Amino acid sequence: MDANGLEIQQPTSKNPGLKPSTNPSERVFKDLRPALITGGAGFIGTNLAHRLLSAGRPVVIFDNLSRSGVELNLNWLRQEHGELVQVEVADIRDTAALERAIKGVSHVFHLAAQVAVTSSLTDPVYDFQVNALGTLNLLEVIRRQPAPPSLIFTSTNKVYGGLEDIGLELSQKRYQPTDPQIKWHGISEARSLDFHSPYGCSKGSADQYVIDYARTYGINAVVFRMSCTFGPHQFGTEDQGWVAHFLIKALKGQPIILYGDGMQVRDILYVDDLVNALVLAQANMGRLTGQAFNIGGGPNNCISLLELLDLIRQLKGGEVAFNFDKWRPGDQRYYVSDTSKFNRLTGWEPKMNAAPGVKALYDWLYNSGEAISPLMLTGRRSA
């Protein structure tokens, strides 16, 4: 255990992020109609697809393959699962392609997105078209089906804005809330929405459309307001996937840029735990529909940027180069998810703690030469 209370442990299996769950509540596995995953060649989509495919469930991957590394993920899924993997290479803004892909599916996991605040500031129109209009396109396609499939949409904690009103104090290498309720439990869904940045506006708009389509049109739909997820098959960039990005930079011996003072805190969630949550939500859709849930590692799995660097030093056995730069727009100094609402309704809680999860990702990246190639260091927009 280091000075920040982060203990490095061995993962419980060689690939904890890819091990199919035997949770009996995952009734979704019993339905062998295809599941549609938009953005399915991305990091989360690949892990989710692998889980479903490993249970014999056909999966339709809908992805425009624009993000660095997703071709590797798609090839891996095809090698592992063969004809169970169906692929529609198309953009979420293409309604005709969505109409083709959705035929006969029973569930939709909507992960496709423009994922970076910085990109939204550069091109807010594209950001809106992908995140807001793309989601509305999907909702309309679902609504037109004779038997509409259910939908889980991955939103973001950015719908809560900059959280400037939360009192913070410094504690060693991190910010801590002065409010004990937030410190011990995190930020709940009762928090008022406050969209910041074009990205926050586009994802927040989509978030609200999904909830309203459940209310107005009776579509079975759930929103996950996500914190930071990490794990195998993640090719993180400076703008998105920061845990993997830090590890990739460290493995390549390149300096990491810390925007702000490095003491900002996030809760981080290992991807296998997120996949558990997605499948549980699908299995319990009848009780959850029309609701939003904050999903992340929670107070027991929060870490600052500086603390992550300390952890990487332990894993690498040497120094990690880094530099500071100015704060970026919309960067919250503190965000930790209160996941108690989802826990009460499904029994879900994270199983993989932060430090062993980071070690598992470090090992995966270290053993995957392609993952730390120069290609992986250039982020492209994904829809």
Protein backbone atom coordinates (compact mmCIF):
# COMPACT_ATOMS: atom_id res chain seq x y z
CA MET A 1 0.00 0.00 0.00
CA ASP A 2 1.36 3.41 -0.93
CA ALA A 3 1.08 6.73 0.91
CA ASN A 4 -2.28 7.40 -0.70
CA GLY A 5 -3.85 4.15 0.49
CA LEU A 6 -3.70 2.49 -2.93
CA GLU A 7 -2.71 -1.14 -2.70
CA ILE A 8 -1.38 -3.08 -5.68
CA GLN A 9 -2.78 -6.60 -5.80
CA GLN A 10 -2.73 -9.38 -8.35
CA PRO A 11 -5.93 -9.59 -10.43
CA THR A 12 -8.13 -12.58 -9.64
CA SER A 13 -7.74 -13.97 -13.17
CA LYS A 14 -5.52 -13.46 -16.19
CA ASN A 15 -8.19 -11.41 -17.93
CA PRO A 16 -10.71 -10.24 -15.30
CA GLY A 17 -12.23 -7.79 -17.74
CA LEU A 18 -13.13 -10.53 -20.21
CA LYS A 19 -14.40 -13.35 -17.99
CA PRO A 20 -18.07 -14.16 -18.62
CA SER A 21 -20.20 -13.74 -15.52
CA THR A 22 -22.25 -16.58 -14.07
CA ASN A 23 -24.62 -14.20 -12.27
CA PRO A 24 -28.04 -15.95 -12.43
CA SER A 25 -29.82 -12.59 -12.64
CA GLU A 26 -28.44 -12.08 -16.15
CA ARG A 27 -31.60 -13.32 -17.82
CA VAL A 28 -30.67 -11.39 -20.94
CA PHE A 29 -28.39 -14.31 -21.89
CA LYS A 30 -31.42 -16.56 -22.32
CA ASP A 31 -32.68 -14.50 -25.27
CA LEU A 32 -30.72 -15.65 -28.30
CA ARG A 33 -31.99 -12.95 -30.63
CA PRO A 34 -29.22 -10.51 -31.62
CA ALA A 35 -28.28 -7.57 -29.44
CA LEU A 36 -27.29 -4.35 -31.19
CA ILE A 37 -24.30 -2.40 -29.83
CA THR A 38 -23.76 1.01 -31.38
CA GLY A 39 -20.10 1.94 -31.06
CA GLY A 40 -19.62 -1.79 -30.61
CA ALA A 41 -16.00 -1.87 -31.77
CA GLY A 42 -14.98 0.61 -29.09
CA PHE A 43 -13.51 -0.24 -25.73
CA ILE A 44 -16.74 -0.75 -23.76
CA GLY A 45 -18.58 -2.19 -26.74
CA THR A 46 -15.89 -4.82 -27.32
CA ASN A 47 -15.99 -6.02 -23.72
CA LEU A 48 -19.79 -6.08 -23.69
CA ALA A 49 -19.93 -7.88 -27.05
CA HIS A 50 -17.44 -10.48 -25.83
CA ARG A 51 -19.58 -11.16 -22.77
CA LEU A 52 -22.75 -11.68 -24.81
CA LEU A 53 -21.02 -13.62 -27.58
CA SER A 54 -19.35 -15.92 -25.06
CA ALA A 55 -22.83 -16.88 -23.88
CA GLY A 56 -23.85 -17.76 -27.45
CA ARG A 57 -25.74 -14.54 -28.05
CA PRO A 58 -25.43 -13.05 -31.59
CA VAL A 59 -24.32 -9.43 -31.60
CA VAL A 60 -24.66 -6.74 -34.26
CA ILE A 61 -21.71 -4.33 -34.10
CA PHE A 62 -22.68 -0.90 -35.43
CA ASP A 63 -19.60 1.33 -35.73
CA ASN A 64 -18.04 3.73 -38.22
CA LEU A 65 -14.55 2.53 -37.19
CA SER A 66 -13.25 6.09 -36.94
CA ARG A 67 -11.51 5.80 -33.57
CA SER A 68 -7.93 4.60 -33.35
CA GLY A 69 -7.64 0.98 -32.31
CA VAL A 70 -11.20 -0.14 -33.01
CA GLU A 71 -10.15 -2.17 -36.05
CA LEU A 72 -7.99 -4.26 -33.70
CA ASN A 73 -10.97 -4.78 -31.40
CA LEU A 74 -13.24 -5.81 -34.26
CA ASN A 75 -10.69 -8.25 -35.66
CA TRP A 76 -10.28 -9.77 -32.20
CA LEU A 77 -14.03 -10.25 -31.80
CA ARG A 78 -14.24 -11.92 -35.22
CA GLN A 79 -11.35 -14.23 -34.42
CA GLU A 80 -12.88 -15.19 -31.09
CA HIS A 81 -16.52 -15.58 -32.14
CA GLY A 82 -16.71 -15.98 -35.90
CA GLU A 83 -20.16 -15.81 -37.48
CA LEU A 84 -21.91 -14.81 -34.24
CA VAL A 85 -20.47 -11.34 -34.89
CA GLN A 86 -22.47 -9.30 -37.39
CA VAL A 87 -21.05 -5.94 -38.47
CA GLU A 88 -22.67 -2.81 -39.88
CA VAL A 89 -19.96 -0.26 -40.71
CA ALA A 90 -21.94 2.96 -40.62
CA ASP A 91 -22.42 6.27 -38.84
CA ILE A 92 -25.00 6.82 -36.11
CA ARG A 93 -26.33 9.73 -38.18
CA ASP A 94 -27.27 7.32 -40.99
CA THR A 95 -30.93 6.46 -40.33
CA ALA A 96 -31.14 3.95 -43.19
CA ALA A 97 -28.19 2.01 -41.75
CA LEU A 98 -29.82 2.01 -38.33
CA GLU A 99 -33.02 0.65 -39.88
CA ARG A 100 -31.02 -2.22 -41.41
CA ALA A 101 -29.09 -3.00 -38.25
CA ILE A 102 -32.05 -3.03 -35.88
CA LYS A 103 -34.12 -5.65 -37.68
CA GLY A 104 -34.80 -8.57 -35.37
CA VAL A 105 -32.77 -7.35 -32.38
CA SER A 106 -34.18 -7.59 -28.88
CA HIS A 107 -31.90 -5.16 -27.02
CA VAL A 108 -29.91 -2.06 -27.96
CA PHE A 109 -26.86 -0.80 -26.08
CA HIS A 110 -26.21 2.73 -27.35
CA LEU A 111 -22.51 3.54 -26.85
CA ALA A 112 -21.69 5.40 -30.10
CA ALA A 113 -20.67 8.98 -29.41
CA GLN A 114 -18.36 11.89 -29.95
CA VAL A 115 -16.51 11.38 -26.70
CA ALA A 116 -14.31 14.41 -25.98
CA VAL A 117 -15.09 17.79 -24.46
CA THR A 118 -12.15 19.31 -26.35
CA SER A 119 -13.46 18.07 -29.71
CA SER A 120 -16.89 19.46 -28.92
CA LEU A 121 -15.36 22.89 -28.37
CA THR A 122 -13.61 22.69 -31.74
CA ASP A 123 -16.62 21.41 -33.70
CA PRO A 124 -19.85 21.77 -31.72
CA VAL A 125 -22.04 21.10 -34.77
CA TYR A 126 -20.49 17.68 -35.35
CA ASP A 127 -20.73 16.98 -31.62
CA PHE A 128 -24.46 17.79 -31.65
CA GLN A 129 -25.13 15.78 -34.80
CA VAL A 130 -23.52 12.65 -33.38
CA ASN A 131 -24.54 12.77 -29.73
CA ALA A 132 -27.94 14.47 -29.75
CA LEU A 133 -29.29 13.97 -33.27
CA GLY A 134 -27.74 10.51 -33.58
CA THR A 135 -29.50 9.41 -30.40
CA LEU A 136 -32.79 10.90 -31.59
CA ASN A 137 -32.38 9.02 -34.88
CA LEU A 138 -31.94 5.78 -32.95
CA LEU A 139 -34.95 6.46 -30.72
CA GLU A 140 -37.14 7.08 -33.75
CA VAL A 141 -35.94 3.89 -35.44
CA ILE A 142 -36.70 1.95 -32.25
CA ARG A 143 -40.14 3.56 -31.94
CA ARG A 144 -41.06 2.50 -35.48
CA GLN A 145 -40.38 -1.19 -34.86
CA PRO A 146 -43.38 -3.54 -34.52
CA ALA A 147 -41.86 -4.83 -31.24
CA PRO A 148 -39.48 -2.05 -30.11
CA PRO A 149 -36.25 -3.36 -28.54
CA SER A 150 -35.20 -1.98 -25.18
CA LEU A 151 -32.40 0.59 -24.94
CA ILE A 152 -29.58 1.38 -22.55
CA PHE A 153 -27.84 4.69 -23.24
CA THR A 154 -24.45 5.66 -21.79
CA SER A 155 -24.59 9.31 -20.79
CA THR A 156 -21.98 11.20 -18.76
CA ASN A 157 -21.39 12.87 -15.42
CA LYS A 158 -20.87 16.09 -17.40
CA VAL A 159 -24.66 16.56 -17.31
CA TYR A 160 -24.10 17.85 -13.75
CA GLY A 161 -21.87 20.68 -14.93
CA GLY A 162 -18.69 21.96 -13.30
CA LEU A 163 -19.91 21.36 -9.71
CA GLU A 164 -18.34 24.65 -8.64
CA ASP A 165 -20.67 24.95 -5.66
CA ILE A 166 -19.24 21.85 -3.96
CA GLY A 167 -16.88 22.93 -1.18
CA LEU A 168 -13.45 21.32 -1.47
CA GLU A 169 -10.35 21.09 0.68
CA LEU A 170 -6.88 19.76 -0.10
CA SER A 171 -5.84 16.44 1.43
CA GLN A 172 -2.31 15.39 0.44
CA LYS A 173 -2.56 14.89 -3.35
CA ARG A 174 -6.30 15.24 -3.88
CA TYR A 175 -9.35 17.39 -3.42
CA GLN A 176 -11.88 16.24 -0.83
CA PRO A 177 -15.46 17.53 -0.39
CA THR A 178 -16.14 19.40 2.83
CA ASP A 179 -19.69 17.99 2.84
CA PRO A 180 -19.53 14.59 4.63
CA GLN A 181 -22.52 13.28 2.64
CA ILE A 182 -20.71 13.81 -0.66
CA LYS A 183 -17.39 12.63 0.74
CA TRP A 184 -18.73 9.27 1.89
CA HIS A 185 -21.41 8.63 -0.70
CA GLY A 186 -20.61 10.66 -3.83
CA ILE A 187 -22.94 12.62 -6.09
CA SER A 188 -26.43 11.21 -6.58
CA GLU A 189 -29.05 11.47 -9.31
CA ALA A 190 -30.82 14.07 -7.15
CA ARG A 191 -28.19 16.57 -8.26
CA SER A 192 -29.67 19.23 -10.58
CA LEU A 193 -28.74 18.96 -14.24
CA ASP A 194 -26.45 21.74 -15.46
CA PHE A 195 -25.04 21.15 -18.93
CA HIS A 196 -21.55 22.61 -19.46
CA SER A 197 -19.63 22.64 -22.77
CA PRO A 198 -21.09 21.57 -26.12
CA TYR A 199 -20.33 17.97 -25.14
CA GLY A 200 -22.33 18.30 -21.93
CA CYS A 201 -25.19 19.86 -23.87
CA SER A 202 -25.27 17.19 -26.59
CA LYS A 203 -25.00 14.24 -24.22
CA GLY A 204 -27.39 15.86 -21.77
CA SER A 205 -29.95 16.45 -24.51
CA ALA A 206 -29.68 12.81 -25.57
CA ASP A 207 -29.97 11.75 -21.93
CA GLN A 208 -33.24 13.63 -21.56
CA TYR A 209 -34.63 12.43 -24.89
CA VAL A 210 -34.09 8.81 -23.84
CA ILE A 211 -35.91 9.36 -20.54
CA ASP A 212 -38.76 11.18 -22.27
CA TYR A 213 -39.20 8.53 -24.97
CA ALA A 214 -39.63 6.00 -22.17
CA ARG A 215 -42.25 8.25 -20.58
CA THR A 216 -44.03 9.48 -23.72
CA TYR A 217 -43.84 6.51 -26.07
CA GLY A 218 -43.48 3.63 -23.62
CA ILE A 219 -40.08 2.51 -24.91
CA ASN A 220 -38.15 0.47 -22.36
CA ALA A 221 -35.07 2.62 -21.83
CA VAL A 222 -32.47 3.32 -19.14
CA VAL A 223 -29.73 5.96 -18.89
CA PHE A 224 -26.33 5.36 -17.31
CA ARG A 225 -24.56 8.60 -16.30
CA MET A 226 -21.02 7.37 -16.50
CA SER A 227 -17.89 8.26 -14.63
CA CYS A 228 -14.47 7.00 -15.79
CA THR A 229 -14.29 3.42 -17.08
CA PHE A 230 -11.04 1.60 -17.86
CA GLY A 231 -9.79 -1.85 -18.81
CA PRO A 232 -8.60 -4.13 -21.65
CA HIS A 233 -9.17 -3.05 -25.25
CA GLN A 234 -9.02 0.63 -24.28
CA PHE A 235 -6.74 2.75 -26.45
CA GLY A 236 -6.99 5.95 -24.43
CA THR A 237 -6.09 9.38 -25.73
CA GLU A 238 -5.43 12.70 -24.06
CA ASP A 239 -9.09 13.67 -24.49
CA GLN A 240 -10.78 10.44 -23.47
CA GLY A 241 -9.78 7.28 -21.61
CA TRP A 242 -7.28 9.03 -19.36
CA VAL A 243 -6.29 6.01 -17.24
CA ALA A 244 -5.26 4.02 -20.31
CA HIS A 245 -3.69 7.13 -21.85
CA PHE A 246 -1.48 7.66 -18.78
CA LEU A 247 -0.40 4.03 -18.87
CA ILE A 248 0.34 4.07 -22.61
CA LYS A 249 2.43 7.23 -22.26
CA ALA A 250 4.35 5.75 -19.32
CA LEU A 251 5.02 2.50 -21.17
CA LYS A 252 6.35 4.46 -24.14
CA GLY A 253 8.51 6.63 -21.88
CA GLN A 254 6.76 9.81 -23.00
CA PRO A 255 5.74 12.70 -20.70
CA ILE A 256 2.15 12.95 -19.49
CA ILE A 257 0.40 16.32 -19.49
CA LEU A 258 -1.65 17.12 -16.39
CA TYR A 259 -4.27 19.79 -17.09
CA GLY A 260 -4.85 21.78 -13.91
CA ASP A 261 -3.01 20.87 -10.72
CA GLY A 262 -3.37 17.07 -10.91
CA MET A 263 -5.36 16.90 -7.67
CA GLN A 264 -8.74 16.55 -9.39
CA VAL A 265 -10.50 13.35 -8.34
CA ARG A 266 -12.55 10.83 -10.29
CA ASP A 267 -14.02 7.47 -9.40
CA ILE A 268 -12.83 4.82 -11.82
CA LEU A 269 -14.72 1.66 -12.78
CA TYR A 270 -13.18 -1.49 -14.24
CA VAL A 271 -14.92 -2.43 -17.47
CA ASP A 272 -15.98 -5.90 -16.31
CA ASP A 273 -18.00 -4.26 -13.54
CA LEU A 274 -19.62 -1.91 -16.05
CA VAL A 275 -20.55 -4.85 -18.27
CA ASN A 276 -22.12 -6.51 -15.23
CA ALA A 277 -24.16 -3.35 -14.67
CA LEU A 278 -25.26 -3.13 -18.31
CA VAL A 279 -26.41 -6.73 -18.38
CA LEU A 280 -28.16 -6.41 -15.01
CA ALA A 281 -29.97 -3.31 -16.23
CA GLN A 282 -31.15 -5.17 -19.29
CA ALA A 283 -32.31 -8.10 -17.20
CA ASN A 284 -34.25 -5.76 -14.88
CA MET A 285 -35.50 -3.38 -17.56
CA GLY A 286 -39.15 -3.67 -16.53
CA ARG A 287 -38.38 -2.15 -13.11
CA LEU A 288 -35.76 0.35 -14.24
CA THR A 289 -37.22 1.84 -17.42
CA GLY A 290 -37.43 5.61 -17.63
CA GLN A 291 -34.75 6.19 -15.00
CA ALA A 292 -31.19 7.50 -14.95
CA PHE A 293 -28.46 6.00 -12.78
CA ASN A 294 -25.01 7.28 -11.82
CA ILE A 295 -22.54 4.49 -12.60
CA GLY A 296 -18.90 4.51 -11.53
CA GLY A 297 -16.46 3.07 -9.07
CA GLY A 298 -17.87 5.10 -6.17
CA PRO A 299 -16.05 6.52 -3.14
CA ASN A 300 -14.08 3.29 -2.60
CA ASN A 301 -12.51 3.56 -6.05
CA CYS A 302 -11.67 7.23 -6.47
CA ILE A 303 -8.24 8.51 -7.37
CA SER A 304 -6.56 11.79 -8.27
CA LEU A 305 -4.33 12.25 -11.29
CA LEU A 306 -1.25 12.59 -9.05
CA GLU A 307 -2.19 9.43 -7.17
CA LEU A 308 -2.51 7.54 -10.44
CA LEU A 309 1.02 8.65 -11.36
CA ASP A 310 2.26 7.26 -8.02
CA LEU A 311 0.57 3.96 -8.80
CA ILE A 312 2.12 3.84 -12.28
CA ARG A 313 5.57 4.46 -10.77
CA GLN A 314 5.09 1.37 -8.60
CA LEU A 315 3.99 -0.71 -11.57
CA LYS A 316 6.78 0.51 -13.81
CA GLY A 317 9.46 0.48 -11.16
CA GLY A 318 10.73 3.91 -12.13
CA GLU A 319 9.90 7.55 -12.63
CA VAL A 320 7.09 8.80 -14.86
CA ALA A 321 7.68 12.08 -16.70
CA PHE A 322 4.89 14.66 -16.60
CA ASN A 323 4.22 18.34 -17.16
CA PHE A 324 1.45 20.71 -16.10
CA ASP A 325 -0.78 22.80 -18.35
CA LYS A 326 -3.73 25.09 -17.72
CA TRP A 327 -7.18 23.85 -16.72
CA ARG A 328 -9.49 22.85 -19.56
CA PRO A 329 -13.09 24.10 -19.88
CA GLY A 330 -15.64 22.02 -18.01
CA ASP A 331 -13.05 20.02 -16.05
CA GLN A 332 -14.58 19.12 -12.70
CA ARG A 333 -12.20 19.25 -9.74
CA TYR A 334 -14.15 16.49 -8.03
CA TYR A 335 -16.63 13.94 -9.27
CA VAL A 336 -17.44 10.63 -7.57
CA SER A 337 -20.59 8.64 -8.33
CA ASP A 338 -23.17 7.72 -5.73
CA THR A 339 -24.27 4.34 -7.12
CA SER A 340 -26.59 3.44 -4.24
CA LYS A 341 -29.78 3.85 -6.28
CA PHE A 342 -28.70 1.22 -8.83
CA ASN A 343 -27.39 -0.97 -6.01
CA ARG A 344 -30.74 -0.92 -4.21
CA LEU A 345 -32.64 -1.97 -7.32
CA THR A 346 -30.26 -4.62 -8.70
CA GLY A 347 -27.72 -5.54 -6.01
CA TRP A 348 -24.86 -4.39 -8.28
CA GLU A 349 -21.59 -3.12 -6.86
CA PRO A 350 -18.04 -2.96 -8.24
CA LYS A 351 -15.94 -6.07 -7.65
CA MET A 352 -12.58 -4.88 -8.98
CA ASN A 353 -10.87 -2.23 -6.88
CA ALA A 354 -8.98 0.63 -8.46
CA ALA A 355 -5.36 -0.43 -7.86
CA PRO A 356 -5.61 -4.08 -9.01
CA GLY A 357 -7.73 -2.89 -11.95
CA VAL A 358 -5.02 -0.46 -13.03
CA LYS A 359 -2.46 -3.24 -12.72
CA ALA A 360 -4.61 -5.52 -14.88
CA LEU A 361 -4.83 -2.85 -17.59
CA TYR A 362 -1.09 -2.13 -17.30
CA ASP A 363 -0.35 -5.83 -17.81
CA TRP A 364 -2.71 -6.04 -20.79
CA LEU A 365 -1.11 -3.02 -22.45
CA TYR A 366 2.39 -4.28 -21.68
CA ASN A 367 1.63 -7.64 -23.28
CA SER A 368 -0.15 -6.10 -26.28
CA GLY A 369 2.49 -4.53 -28.50
CA GLU A 370 -0.13 -3.10 -30.86
CA ALA A 371 -1.79 -1.26 -28.00
CA ILE A 372 1.20 1.03 -27.46
CA SER A 373 2.11 1.63 -31.09
CA PRO A 374 2.33 5.26 -32.29
CA LEU A 375 -1.11 4.83 -33.90
CA MET A 376 -2.72 4.58 -30.50
CA LEU A 377 -1.49 8.00 -29.48
CA THR A 378 -3.57 9.88 -32.04
CA GLY A 379 -7.24 10.24 -31.19
CA ARG A 380 -9.88 10.50 -33.90
CA ARG A 381 -13.56 11.29 -33.60
CA SER A 382 -15.84 8.31 -33.16
CA ALA A 383 -19.50 7.95 -34.03
